[in-house]
Amino acid sequence: MFIARWQFTAKFGKMEDCVNLLRRWEVDVGQRIGWRPGAIRLLTGFVGGAESDVEFEVQFDNLTDLENAWNDRERNPHHREYMKMLEPVIVSGTNRWTILREDTIAPAK
């Protein structure tokens, strides 16, 4: 199992706009590229982190699934529209993708 995590900083006073856009993106783009709602998490800073931190995560089975979803995403005209709408609510230069592999924790024997 893998997790793709998109992290960025929302501009001051723009968190609600940012979250609302990401929720709409999930319906118009995410679900159309095969990302199931149960495989996605939207996290925002709360205690111990900056309130402007945003993390959008998706779980997938293998890297090929992620690559296919990203290719489909780029062909979806709604994706470009949402990226233009997100630009004014995100601090420029703060966005990055991280790909994580989930490992199991087995009890010690």
PDB file of N, CA and C in Angstrom:
ATOM      1  N   MET A   1       0.858  -1.179   0.000  1.00  0.00           N
ATOM      2  CA  MET A   1       0.000   0.000   0.000  1.00  0.00           C
ATOM      3  C   MET A   1       0.898   1.234   0.000  1.00  0.00           C
ATOM      4  N   PHE A   2       0.483   2.245  -0.746  1.00  0.00           N
ATOM      5  CA  PHE A   2       1.222   3.496  -0.844  1.00  0.00           C
ATOM      6  C   PHE A   2       0.295   4.663  -0.518  1.00  0.00           C
ATOM      7  N   ILE A   3       0.890   5.767  -0.129  1.00  0.00           N
ATOM      8  CA  ILE A   3       0.142   7.001   0.117  1.00  0.00           C
ATOM      9  C   ILE A   3       0.849   8.121  -0.634  1.00  0.00           C
ATOM     10  N   ALA A   4       0.085   8.855  -1.446  1.00  0.00           N
ATOM     11  CA  ALA A   4       0.590  10.068  -2.091  1.00  0.00           C
ATOM     12  C   ALA A   4       0.060  11.232  -1.269  1.00  0.00           C
ATOM     13  N   ARG A   5       0.961  12.071  -0.822  1.00  0.00           N
ATOM     14  CA  ARG A   5       0.588  13.197   0.043  1.00  0.00           C
ATOM     15  C   ARG A   5       0.981  14.503  -0.634  1.00  0.00           C
ATOM     16  N   TRP A   6      -0.035  15.352  -0.891  1.00  0.00           N
ATOM     17  CA  TRP A   6       0.197  16.678  -1.444  1.00  0.00           C
ATOM     18  C   TRP A   6       0.137  17.658  -0.287  1.00  0.00           C
ATOM     19  N   GLN A   7       1.215  18.368  -0.049  1.00  0.00           N
ATOM     20  CA  GLN A   7       1.296  19.302   1.069  1.00  0.00           C
ATOM     21  C   GLN A   7       1.521  20.710   0.543  1.00  0.00           C
ATOM     22  N   PHE A   8       0.864  21.680   1.194  1.00  0.00           N
ATOM     23  CA  PHE A   8       1.080  23.075   0.852  1.00  0.00           C
ATOM     24  C   PHE A   8       0.556  23.953   1.971  1.00  0.00           C
ATOM     25  N   THR A   9       0.786  25.240   1.841  1.00  0.00           N
ATOM     26  CA  THR A   9       0.350  26.220   2.829  1.00  0.00           C
ATOM     27  C   THR A   9      -0.746  27.080   2.224  1.00  0.00           C
ATOM     28  N   ALA A  10      -1.848  27.203   2.950  1.00  0.00           N
ATOM     29  CA  ALA A  10      -2.937  28.085   2.520  1.00  0.00           C
ATOM     30  C   ALA A  10      -2.597  29.509   2.959  1.00  0.00           C
ATOM     31  N   LYS A  11      -2.987  30.472   2.150  1.00  0.00           N
ATOM     32  CA  LYS A  11      -2.772  31.868   2.518  1.00  0.00           C
ATOM     33  C   LYS A  11      -3.631  32.220   3.727  1.00  0.00           C
ATOM     34  N   PHE A  12      -3.173  33.212   4.484  1.00  0.00           N
ATOM     35  CA  PHE A  12      -3.900  33.654   5.670  1.00  0.00           C
ATOM     36  C   PHE A  12      -5.338  34.036   5.303  1.00  0.00           C
ATOM     37  N   GLY A  13      -6.285  33.481   6.034  1.00  0.00           N
ATOM     38  CA  GLY A  13      -7.695  33.792   5.816  1.00  0.00           C
ATOM     39  C   GLY A  13      -8.333  33.052   4.646  1.00  0.00           C
ATOM     40  N   LYS A  14      -7.585  32.159   4.004  1.00  0.00           N
ATOM     41  CA  LYS A  14      -8.087  31.470   2.810  1.00  0.00           C
ATOM     42  C   LYS A  14      -8.296  29.962   3.024  1.00  0.00           C
ATOM     43  N   MET A  15      -8.155  29.476   4.252  1.00  0.00           N
ATOM     44  CA  MET A  15      -8.267  28.038   4.497  1.00  0.00           C
ATOM     45  C   MET A  15      -9.644  27.497   4.089  1.00  0.00           C
ATOM     46  N   GLU A  16     -10.698  28.169   4.450  1.00  0.00           N
ATOM     47  CA  GLU A  16     -12.036  27.691   4.104  1.00  0.00           C
ATOM     48  C   GLU A  16     -12.222  27.612   2.588  1.00  0.00           C
ATOM     49  N   ASP A  17     -11.754  28.624   1.868  1.00  0.00           N
ATOM     50  CA  ASP A  17     -11.835  28.608   0.403  1.00  0.00           C
ATOM     51  C   ASP A  17     -11.043  27.433  -0.158  1.00  0.00           C
ATOM     52  N   CYS A  18      -9.868  27.215   0.388  1.00  0.00           N
ATOM     53  CA  CYS A  18      -8.991  26.131  -0.068  1.00  0.00           C
ATOM     54  C   CYS A  18      -9.660  24.776   0.146  1.00  0.00           C
ATOM     55  N   VAL A  19     -10.172  24.539   1.340  1.00  0.00           N
ATOM     56  CA  VAL A  19     -10.820  23.262   1.663  1.00  0.00           C
ATOM     57  C   VAL A  19     -12.044  23.039   0.777  1.00  0.00           C
ATOM     58  N   ASN A  20     -12.833  24.065   0.575  1.00  0.00           N
ATOM     59  CA  ASN A  20     -14.014  23.929  -0.282  1.00  0.00           C
ATOM     60  C   ASN A  20     -13.630  23.579  -1.722  1.00  0.00           C
ATOM     61  N   LEU A  21     -12.579  24.198  -2.237  1.00  0.00           N
ATOM     62  CA  LEU A  21     -12.118  23.883  -3.591  1.00  0.00           C
ATOM     63  C   LEU A  21     -11.628  22.439  -3.684  1.00  0.00           C
ATOM     64  N   LEU A  22     -10.891  21.970  -2.683  1.00  0.00           N
ATOM     65  CA  LEU A  22     -10.402  20.597  -2.693  1.00  0.00           C
ATOM     66  C   LEU A  22     -11.546  19.594  -2.608  1.00  0.00           C
ATOM     67  N   ARG A  23     -12.579  19.913  -1.858  1.00  0.00           N
ATOM     68  CA  ARG A  23     -13.754  19.026  -1.791  1.00  0.00           C
ATOM     69  C   ARG A  23     -14.434  18.931  -3.150  1.00  0.00           C
ATOM     70  N   ARG A  24     -14.550  20.060  -3.838  1.00  0.00           N
ATOM     71  CA  ARG A  24     -15.155  20.050  -5.172  1.00  0.00           C
ATOM     72  C   ARG A  24     -14.254  19.344  -6.178  1.00  0.00           C
ATOM     73  N   TRP A  25     -12.915  19.550  -6.056  1.00  0.00           N
ATOM     74  CA  TRP A  25     -11.959  18.868  -6.932  1.00  0.00           C
ATOM     75  C   TRP A  25     -12.125  17.365  -6.804  1.00  0.00           C
ATOM     76  N   GLU A  26     -12.311  16.888  -5.593  1.00  0.00           N
ATOM     77  CA  GLU A  26     -12.446  15.444  -5.361  1.00  0.00           C
ATOM     78  C   GLU A  26     -13.610  14.861  -6.153  1.00  0.00           C
ATOM     79  N   VAL A  27     -14.715  15.576  -6.232  1.00  0.00           N
ATOM     80  CA  VAL A  27     -15.889  15.095  -6.982  1.00  0.00           C
ATOM     81  C   VAL A  27     -15.652  15.204  -8.485  1.00  0.00           C
ATOM     82  N   ASP A  28     -15.173  16.352  -8.941  1.00  0.00           N
ATOM     83  CA  ASP A  28     -15.040  16.608 -10.378  1.00  0.00           C
ATOM     84  C   ASP A  28     -13.815  15.967 -11.019  1.00  0.00           C
ATOM     85  N   VAL A  29     -12.780  15.718 -10.221  1.00  0.00           N
ATOM     86  CA  VAL A  29     -11.552  15.146 -10.772  1.00  0.00           C
ATOM     87  C   VAL A  29     -11.200  13.835 -10.073  1.00  0.00           C
ATOM     88  N   GLY A  30     -11.056  13.873  -8.772  1.00  0.00           N
ATOM     89  CA  GLY A  30     -10.592  12.704  -8.024  1.00  0.00           C
ATOM     90  C   GLY A  30     -11.387  11.439  -8.297  1.00  0.00           C
ATOM     91  N   GLN A  31     -12.690  11.532  -8.220  1.00  0.00           N
ATOM     92  CA  GLN A  31     -13.516  10.342  -8.452  1.00  0.00           C
ATOM     93  C   GLN A  31     -13.457   9.893  -9.906  1.00  0.00           C
ATOM     94  N   ARG A  32     -13.256  10.818 -10.816  1.00  0.00           N
ATOM     95  CA  ARG A  32     -13.180  10.469 -12.244  1.00  0.00           C
ATOM     96  C   ARG A  32     -11.861   9.813 -12.629  1.00  0.00           C
ATOM     97  N   ILE A  33     -10.845   9.981 -11.792  1.00  0.00           N
ATOM     98  CA  ILE A  33      -9.567   9.319 -12.073  1.00  0.00           C
ATOM     99  C   ILE A  33      -9.409   8.056 -11.235  1.00  0.00           C
ATOM    100  N   GLY A  34     -10.490   7.657 -10.559  1.00  0.00           N
ATOM    101  CA  GLY A  34     -10.493   6.387  -9.841  1.00  0.00           C
ATOM    102  C   GLY A  34     -10.161   6.447  -8.371  1.00  0.00           C
ATOM    103  N   TRP A  35     -10.037   7.650  -7.810  1.00  0.00           N
ATOM    104  CA  TRP A  35      -9.753   7.749  -6.385  1.00  0.00           C
ATOM    105  C   TRP A  35     -11.050   7.623  -5.606  1.00  0.00           C
ATOM    106  N   ARG A  36     -11.148   6.565  -4.819  1.00  0.00           N
ATOM    107  CA  ARG A  36     -12.352   6.312  -4.021  1.00  0.00           C
ATOM    108  C   ARG A  36     -12.400   7.268  -2.823  1.00  0.00           C
ATOM    109  N   PRO A  37     -13.586   7.758  -2.481  1.00  0.00           N
ATOM    110  CA  PRO A  37     -13.686   8.680  -1.340  1.00  0.00           C
ATOM    111  C   PRO A  37     -13.091   8.109  -0.055  1.00  0.00           C
ATOM    112  N   GLY A  38     -13.208   6.816   0.184  1.00  0.00           N
ATOM    113  CA  GLY A  38     -12.653   6.211   1.395  1.00  0.00           C
ATOM    114  C   GLY A  38     -11.140   6.134   1.406  1.00  0.00           C
ATOM    115  N   ALA A  39     -10.505   6.363   0.257  1.00  0.00           N
ATOM    116  CA  ALA A  39      -9.049   6.291   0.154  1.00  0.00           C
ATOM    117  C   ALA A  39      -8.400   7.667   0.252  1.00  0.00           C
ATOM    118  N   ILE A  40      -9.208   8.693   0.497  1.00  0.00           N
ATOM    119  CA  ILE A  40      -8.701  10.065   0.494  1.00  0.00           C
ATOM    120  C   ILE A  40      -8.908  10.701   1.865  1.00  0.00           C
ATOM    121  N   ARG A  41      -7.900  11.459   2.282  1.00  0.00           N
ATOM    122  CA  ARG A  41      -8.011  12.244   3.521  1.00  0.00           C
ATOM    123  C   ARG A  41      -7.565  13.664   3.238  1.00  0.00           C
ATOM    124  N   LEU A  42      -8.250  14.601   3.853  1.00  0.00           N
ATOM    125  CA  LEU A  42      -7.872  16.008   3.802  1.00  0.00           C
ATOM    126  C   LEU A  42      -7.559  16.432   5.230  1.00  0.00           C
ATOM    127  N   LEU A  43      -6.313  16.861   5.461  1.00  0.00           N
ATOM    128  CA  LEU A  43      -5.855  17.224   6.795  1.00  0.00           C
ATOM    129  C   LEU A  43      -5.447  18.686   6.816  1.00  0.00           C
ATOM    130  N   THR A  44      -5.783  19.381   7.900  1.00  0.00           N
ATOM    131  CA  THR A  44      -5.368  20.765   8.065  1.00  0.00           C
ATOM    132  C   THR A  44      -4.736  20.933   9.433  1.00  0.00           C
ATOM    133  N   GLY A  45      -3.820  21.894   9.547  1.00  0.00           N
ATOM    134  CA  GLY A  45      -3.126  22.133  10.803  1.00  0.00           C
ATOM    135  C   GLY A  45      -4.083  22.426  11.933  1.00  0.00           C
ATOM    136  N   PHE A  46      -3.723  21.946  13.111  1.00  0.00           N
ATOM    137  CA  PHE A  46      -4.587  22.154  14.266  1.00  0.00           C
ATOM    138  C   PHE A  46      -3.738  22.445  15.492  1.00  0.00           C
ATOM    139  N   VAL A  47      -3.350  21.447  16.239  1.00  0.00           N
ATOM    140  CA  VAL A  47      -2.537  21.645  17.437  1.00  0.00           C
ATOM    141  C   VAL A  47      -1.095  21.240  17.128  1.00  0.00           C
ATOM    142  N   GLY A  48      -0.158  22.102  17.423  1.00  0.00           N
ATOM    143  CA  GLY A  48       1.251  21.788  17.240  1.00  0.00           C
ATOM    144  C   GLY A  48       1.775  22.038  15.838  1.00  0.00           C
ATOM    145  N   GLY A  49       0.940  22.426  14.936  1.00  0.00           N
ATOM    146  CA  GLY A  49       1.352  22.733  13.569  1.00  0.00           C
ATOM    147  C   GLY A  49       0.725  24.051  13.143  1.00  0.00           C
ATOM    148  N   ALA A  50       1.190  24.545  12.032  1.00  0.00           N
ATOM    149  CA  ALA A  50       0.624  25.796  11.518  1.00  0.00           C
ATOM    150  C   ALA A  50      -0.823  25.579  11.081  1.00  0.00           C
ATOM    151  N   GLU A  51      -1.681  26.495  11.443  1.00  0.00           N
ATOM    152  CA  GLU A  51      -3.092  26.401  11.050  1.00  0.00           C
ATOM    153  C   GLU A  51      -3.269  26.475   9.545  1.00  0.00           C
ATOM    154  N   SER A  52      -2.266  26.940   8.849  1.00  0.00           N
ATOM    155  CA  SER A  52      -2.353  27.096   7.394  1.00  0.00           C
ATOM    156  C   SER A  52      -1.838  25.873   6.635  1.00  0.00           C
ATOM    157  N   ASP A  53      -1.355  24.842   7.354  1.00  0.00           N
ATOM    158  CA  ASP A  53      -0.873  23.622   6.701  1.00  0.00           C
ATOM    159  C   ASP A  53      -2.035  22.812   6.144  1.00  0.00           C
ATOM    160  N   VAL A  54      -1.871  22.336   4.912  1.00  0.00           N
ATOM    161  CA  VAL A  54      -2.875  21.493   4.264  1.00  0.00           C
ATOM    162  C   VAL A  54      -2.173  20.253   3.725  1.00  0.00           C
ATOM    163  N   GLU A  55      -2.778  19.101   3.967  1.00  0.00           N
ATOM    164  CA  GLU A  55      -2.274  17.846   3.407  1.00  0.00           C
ATOM    165  C   GLU A  55      -3.449  17.103   2.791  1.00  0.00           C
ATOM    166  N   PHE A  56      -3.283  16.732   1.551  1.00  0.00           N
ATOM    167  CA  PHE A  56      -4.294  15.974   0.809  1.00  0.00           C
ATOM    168  C   PHE A  56      -3.659  14.626   0.511  1.00  0.00           C
ATOM    169  N   GLU A  57      -4.231  13.553   1.054  1.00  0.00           N
ATOM    170  CA  GLU A  57      -3.649  12.219   0.907  1.00  0.00           C
ATOM    171  C   GLU A  57      -4.580  11.286   0.149  1.00  0.00           C
ATOM    172  N   VAL A  58      -3.969  10.385  -0.616  1.00  0.00           N
ATOM    173  CA  VAL A  58      -4.727   9.332  -1.279  1.00  0.00           C
ATOM    174  C   VAL A  58      -3.946   8.028  -1.142  1.00  0.00           C
ATOM    175  N   GLN A  59      -4.670   6.941  -0.833  1.00  0.00           N
ATOM    176  CA  GLN A  59      -4.078   5.603  -0.749  1.00  0.00           C
ATOM    177  C   GLN A  59      -4.266   4.889  -2.072  1.00  0.00           C
ATOM    178  N   PHE A  60      -3.262   4.094  -2.445  1.00  0.00           N
ATOM    179  CA  PHE A  60      -3.374   3.301  -3.658  1.00  0.00           C
ATOM    180  C   PHE A  60      -2.522   2.054  -3.491  1.00  0.00           C
ATOM    181  N   ASP A  61      -2.792   1.055  -4.327  1.00  0.00           N
ATOM    182  CA  ASP A  61      -2.163  -0.251  -4.168  1.00  0.00           C
ATOM    183  C   ASP A  61      -0.737  -0.327  -4.698  1.00  0.00           C
ATOM    184  N   ASN A  62      -0.476   0.356  -5.815  1.00  0.00           N
ATOM    185  CA  ASN A  62       0.862   0.266  -6.410  1.00  0.00           C
ATOM    186  C   ASN A  62       1.169   1.554  -7.173  1.00  0.00           C
ATOM    187  N   LEU A  63       2.414   1.721  -7.529  1.00  0.00           N
ATOM    188  CA  LEU A  63       2.832   2.949  -8.195  1.00  0.00           C
ATOM    189  C   LEU A  63       2.227   3.107  -9.581  1.00  0.00           C
ATOM    190  N   THR A  64       1.930   2.004 -10.230  1.00  0.00           N
ATOM    191  CA  THR A  64       1.281   2.072 -11.540  1.00  0.00           C
ATOM    192  C   THR A  64      -0.100   2.711 -11.419  1.00  0.00           C
ATOM    193  N   ASP A  65      -0.839   2.371 -10.358  1.00  0.00           N
ATOM    194  CA  ASP A  65      -2.152   2.993 -10.132  1.00  0.00           C
ATOM    195  C   ASP A  65      -2.018   4.506  -9.982  1.00  0.00           C
ATOM    196  N   LEU A  66      -1.007   4.940  -9.242  1.00  0.00           N
ATOM    197  CA  LEU A  66      -0.801   6.378  -9.059  1.00  0.00           C
ATOM    198  C   LEU A  66      -0.435   7.044 -10.377  1.00  0.00           C
ATOM    199  N   GLU A  67       0.474   6.444 -11.117  1.00  0.00           N
ATOM    200  CA  GLU A  67       0.889   7.017 -12.397  1.00  0.00           C
ATOM    201  C   GLU A  67      -0.288   7.119 -13.361  1.00  0.00           C
ATOM    202  N   ASN A  68      -1.119   6.089 -13.420  1.00  0.00           N
ATOM    203  CA  ASN A  68      -2.302   6.120 -14.284  1.00  0.00           C
ATOM    204  C   ASN A  68      -3.272   7.218 -13.853  1.00  0.00           C
ATOM    205  N   ALA A  69      -3.471   7.361 -12.543  1.00  0.00           N
ATOM    206  CA  ALA A  69      -4.378   8.402 -12.039  1.00  0.00           C
ATOM    207  C   ALA A  69      -3.840   9.787 -12.385  1.00  0.00           C
ATOM    208  N   TRP A  70      -2.531   9.994 -12.219  1.00  0.00           N
ATOM    209  CA  TRP A  70      -1.955  11.294 -12.551  1.00  0.00           C
ATOM    210  C   TRP A  70      -2.056  11.581 -14.047  1.00  0.00           C
ATOM    211  N   ASN A  71      -1.890  10.580 -14.888  1.00  0.00           N
ATOM    212  CA  ASN A  71      -2.056  10.774 -16.332  1.00  0.00           C
ATOM    213  C   ASN A  71      -3.496  11.139 -16.661  1.00  0.00           C
ATOM    214  N   ASP A  72      -4.452  10.441 -16.052  1.00  0.00           N
ATOM    215  CA  ASP A  72      -5.871  10.756 -16.255  1.00  0.00           C
ATOM    216  C   ASP A  72      -6.186  12.165 -15.748  1.00  0.00           C
ATOM    217  N   ARG A  73      -5.597  12.527 -14.629  1.00  0.00           N
ATOM    218  CA  ARG A  73      -5.816  13.855 -14.042  1.00  0.00           C
ATOM    219  C   ARG A  73      -5.405  14.949 -15.016  1.00  0.00           C
ATOM    220  N   GLU A  74      -4.261  14.785 -15.656  1.00  0.00           N
ATOM    221  CA  GLU A  74      -3.773  15.807 -16.582  1.00  0.00           C
ATOM    222  C   GLU A  74      -4.661  15.942 -17.815  1.00  0.00           C
ATOM    223  N   ARG A  75      -5.362  14.889 -18.182  1.00  0.00           N
ATOM    224  CA  ARG A  75      -6.275  14.942 -19.330  1.00  0.00           C
ATOM    225  C   ARG A  75      -7.655  15.485 -18.955  1.00  0.00           C
ATOM    226  N   ASN A  76      -7.931  15.616 -17.675  1.00  0.00           N
ATOM    227  CA  ASN A  76      -9.230  16.092 -17.213  1.00  0.00           C
ATOM    228  C   ASN A  76      -9.237  17.623 -17.239  1.00  0.00           C
ATOM    229  N   PRO A  77     -10.115  18.249 -18.051  1.00  0.00           N
ATOM    230  CA  PRO A  77     -10.110  19.714 -18.148  1.00  0.00           C
ATOM    231  C   PRO A  77     -10.469  20.401 -16.830  1.00  0.00           C
ATOM    232  N   HIS A  78     -11.228  19.725 -15.975  1.00  0.00           N
ATOM    233  CA  HIS A  78     -11.580  20.320 -14.686  1.00  0.00           C
ATOM    234  C   HIS A  78     -10.353  20.503 -13.804  1.00  0.00           C
ATOM    235  N   HIS A  79      -9.362  19.619 -13.923  1.00  0.00           N
ATOM    236  CA  HIS A  79      -8.168  19.712 -13.092  1.00  0.00           C
ATOM    237  C   HIS A  79      -7.460  21.053 -13.304  1.00  0.00           C
ATOM    238  N   ARG A  80      -7.253  21.435 -14.550  1.00  0.00           N
ATOM    239  CA  ARG A  80      -6.594  22.716 -14.832  1.00  0.00           C
ATOM    240  C   ARG A  80      -7.389  23.895 -14.271  1.00  0.00           C
ATOM    241  N   GLU A  81      -8.715  23.818 -14.381  1.00  0.00           N
ATOM    242  CA  GLU A  81      -9.566  24.887 -13.844  1.00  0.00           C
ATOM    243  C   GLU A  81      -9.392  25.011 -12.336  1.00  0.00           C
ATOM    244  N   TYR A  82      -9.381  23.868 -11.644  1.00  0.00           N
ATOM    245  CA  TYR A  82      -9.222  23.902 -10.186  1.00  0.00           C
ATOM    246  C   TYR A  82      -7.844  24.409  -9.776  1.00  0.00           C
ATOM    247  N   MET A  83      -6.817  24.054 -10.519  1.00  0.00           N
ATOM    248  CA  MET A  83      -5.487  24.544 -10.185  1.00  0.00           C
ATOM    249  C   MET A  83      -5.428  26.063 -10.321  1.00  0.00           C
ATOM    250  N   LYS A  84      -6.124  26.613 -11.304  1.00  0.00           N
ATOM    251  CA  LYS A  84      -6.181  28.068 -11.451  1.00  0.00           C
ATOM    252  C   LYS A  84      -6.954  28.701 -10.297  1.00  0.00           C
ATOM    253  N   MET A  85      -8.018  28.033  -9.848  1.00  0.00           N
ATOM    254  CA  MET A  85      -8.801  28.555  -8.723  1.00  0.00           C
ATOM    255  C   MET A  85      -8.033  28.437  -7.407  1.00  0.00           C
ATOM    256  N   LEU A  86      -7.192  27.419  -7.273  1.00  0.00           N
ATOM    257  CA  LEU A  86      -6.415  27.245  -6.044  1.00  0.00           C
ATOM    258  C   LEU A  86      -5.243  28.222  -5.950  1.00  0.00           C
ATOM    259  N   GLU A  87      -4.740  28.660  -7.083  1.00  0.00           N
ATOM    260  CA  GLU A  87      -3.553  29.518  -7.079  1.00  0.00           C
ATOM    261  C   GLU A  87      -3.671  30.722  -6.144  1.00  0.00           C
ATOM    262  N   PRO A  88      -4.794  31.443  -6.126  1.00  0.00           N
ATOM    263  CA  PRO A  88      -4.862  32.618  -5.247  1.00  0.00           C
ATOM    264  C   PRO A  88      -5.011  32.292  -3.753  1.00  0.00           C
ATOM    265  N   VAL A  89      -5.255  31.044  -3.398  1.00  0.00           N
ATOM    266  CA  VAL A  89      -5.452  30.698  -1.986  1.00  0.00           C
ATOM    267  C   VAL A  89      -4.280  29.910  -1.403  1.00  0.00           C
ATOM    268  N   ILE A  90      -3.271  29.598  -2.224  1.00  0.00           N
ATOM    269  CA  ILE A  90      -2.104  28.827  -1.786  1.00  0.00           C
ATOM    270  C   ILE A  90      -0.867  29.726  -1.825  1.00  0.00           C
ATOM    271  N   VAL A  91      -0.017  29.588  -0.821  1.00  0.00           N
ATOM    272  CA  VAL A  91       1.243  30.326  -0.809  1.00  0.00           C
ATOM    273  C   VAL A  91       2.147  29.733  -1.890  1.00  0.00           C
ATOM    274  N   SER A  92       2.565  30.568  -2.812  1.00  0.00           N
ATOM    275  CA  SER A  92       3.396  30.126  -3.933  1.00  0.00           C
ATOM    276  C   SER A  92       4.680  29.473  -3.444  1.00  0.00           C
ATOM    277  N   GLY A  93       5.036  28.358  -4.067  1.00  0.00           N
ATOM    278  CA  GLY A  93       6.280  27.676  -3.755  1.00  0.00           C
ATOM    279  C   GLY A  93       6.235  26.730  -2.571  1.00  0.00           C
ATOM    280  N   THR A  94       5.067  26.556  -1.961  1.00  0.00           N
ATOM    281  CA  THR A  94       4.990  25.680  -0.782  1.00  0.00           C
ATOM    282  C   THR A  94       4.478  24.286  -1.100  1.00  0.00           C
ATOM    283  N   ASN A  95       4.010  24.059  -2.300  1.00  0.00           N
ATOM    284  CA  ASN A  95       3.410  22.759  -2.594  1.00  0.00           C
ATOM    285  C   ASN A  95       4.463  21.720  -2.960  1.00  0.00           C
ATOM    286  N   ARG A  96       4.195  20.483  -2.507  1.00  0.00           N
ATOM    287  CA  ARG A  96       5.072  19.357  -2.845  1.00  0.00           C
ATOM    288  C   ARG A  96       4.298  18.060  -2.677  1.00  0.00           C
ATOM    289  N   TRP A  97       4.715  17.075  -3.443  1.00  0.00           N
ATOM    290  CA  TRP A  97       4.171  15.725  -3.346  1.00  0.00           C
ATOM    291  C   TRP A  97       5.194  14.832  -2.670  1.00  0.00           C
ATOM    292  N   THR A  98       4.723  13.964  -1.790  1.00  0.00           N
ATOM    293  CA  THR A  98       5.549  12.953  -1.157  1.00  0.00           C
ATOM    294  C   THR A  98       4.843  11.618  -1.338  1.00  0.00           C
ATOM    295  N   ILE A  99       5.584  10.605  -1.733  1.00  0.00           N
ATOM    296  CA  ILE A  99       5.027   9.259  -1.881  1.00  0.00           C
ATOM    297  C   ILE A  99       5.589   8.406  -0.744  1.00  0.00           C
ATOM    298  N   LEU A 100       4.695   7.815   0.020  1.00  0.00           N
ATOM    299  CA  LEU A 100       5.074   6.998   1.172  1.00  0.00           C
ATOM    300  C   LEU A 100       4.634   5.563   0.953  1.00  0.00           C
ATOM    301  N   ARG A 101       5.399   4.633   1.482  1.00  0.00           N
ATOM    302  CA  ARG A 101       5.022   3.224   1.437  1.00  0.00           C
ATOM    303  C   ARG A 101       4.584   2.827   2.828  1.00  0.00           C
ATOM    304  N   GLU A 102       3.445   2.168   2.913  1.00  0.00           N
ATOM    305  CA  GLU A 102       2.941   1.707   4.200  1.00  0.00           C
ATOM    306  C   GLU A 102       3.583   0.366   4.532  1.00  0.00           C
ATOM    307  N   ASP A 103       4.140   0.267   5.713  1.00  0.00           N
ATOM    308  CA  ASP A 103       4.721  -0.983   6.204  1.00  0.00           C
ATOM    309  C   ASP A 103       3.874  -1.478   7.368  1.00  0.00           C
ATOM    310  N   THR A 104       3.855  -2.783   7.543  1.00  0.00           N
ATOM    311  CA  THR A 104       3.102  -3.351   8.659  1.00  0.00           C
ATOM    312  C   THR A 104       4.006  -3.477   9.874  1.00  0.00           C
ATOM    313  N   ILE A 105       3.400  -3.398  11.015  1.00  0.00           N
ATOM    314  CA  ILE A 105       4.109  -3.598  12.261  1.00  0.00           C
ATOM    315  C   ILE A 105       3.667  -4.947  12.811  1.00  0.00           C
ATOM    316  N   ALA A 106       4.615  -5.881  12.842  1.00  0.00           N
ATOM    317  CA  ALA A 106       4.299  -7.218  13.336  1.00  0.00           C
ATOM    318  C   ALA A 106       4.697  -7.303  14.812  1.00  0.00           C
ATOM    319  N   PRO A 107       3.920  -8.012  15.582  1.00  0.00           N
ATOM    320  CA  PRO A 107       4.290  -8.163  17.000  1.00  0.00           C
ATOM    321  C   PRO A 107       5.615  -8.910  17.134  1.00  0.00           C
ATOM    322  N   ALA A 108       6.410  -8.507  18.106  1.00  0.00           N
ATOM    323  CA  ALA A 108       7.704  -9.165  18.334  1.00  0.00           C
ATOM    324  C   ALA A 108       7.466 -10.575  18.844  1.00  0.00           C
ATOM    325  N   LYS A 109       8.326 -11.489  18.411  1.00  0.00           N
ATOM    326  CA  LYS A 109       8.175 -12.886  18.843  1.00  0.00           C
ATOM    327  C   LYS A 109       9.276 -13.269  19.791  1.00  0.00           C
TER     328      LYS A 109
END
